[in-house]
Amino acid sequence: MGLRMRVHDREPIGAALRRFKKLVERSGLKRELRAHEYYEKPCEARNRKEAKRRNAIKRAAMGKPTVKKERSY
């Protein structure tokens, strides 16, 4: 999936760059690139997901709210 952004006539380059950065962040492309920066073995991915699940359960037992880093638009 490619991202497309049209730069309007007489739009300052700074404003266009700011719009582009928001577009990339909202599309999740940045997060996906970071996730694929290094190869992660399947067993490492399972261990990471299991640890994340255990921490969420532990936080819920302590009464702390869950930490949500991603924004859903």
Foldseek 3Di string as FASTA:
>chain_A
DDDDDDDDPPDDPVVVVVVVVVVCQQVCVVVVCVVVVDDDDPVRVVVVVVVVVVVVVVCVVVVHDDDDDDDHD
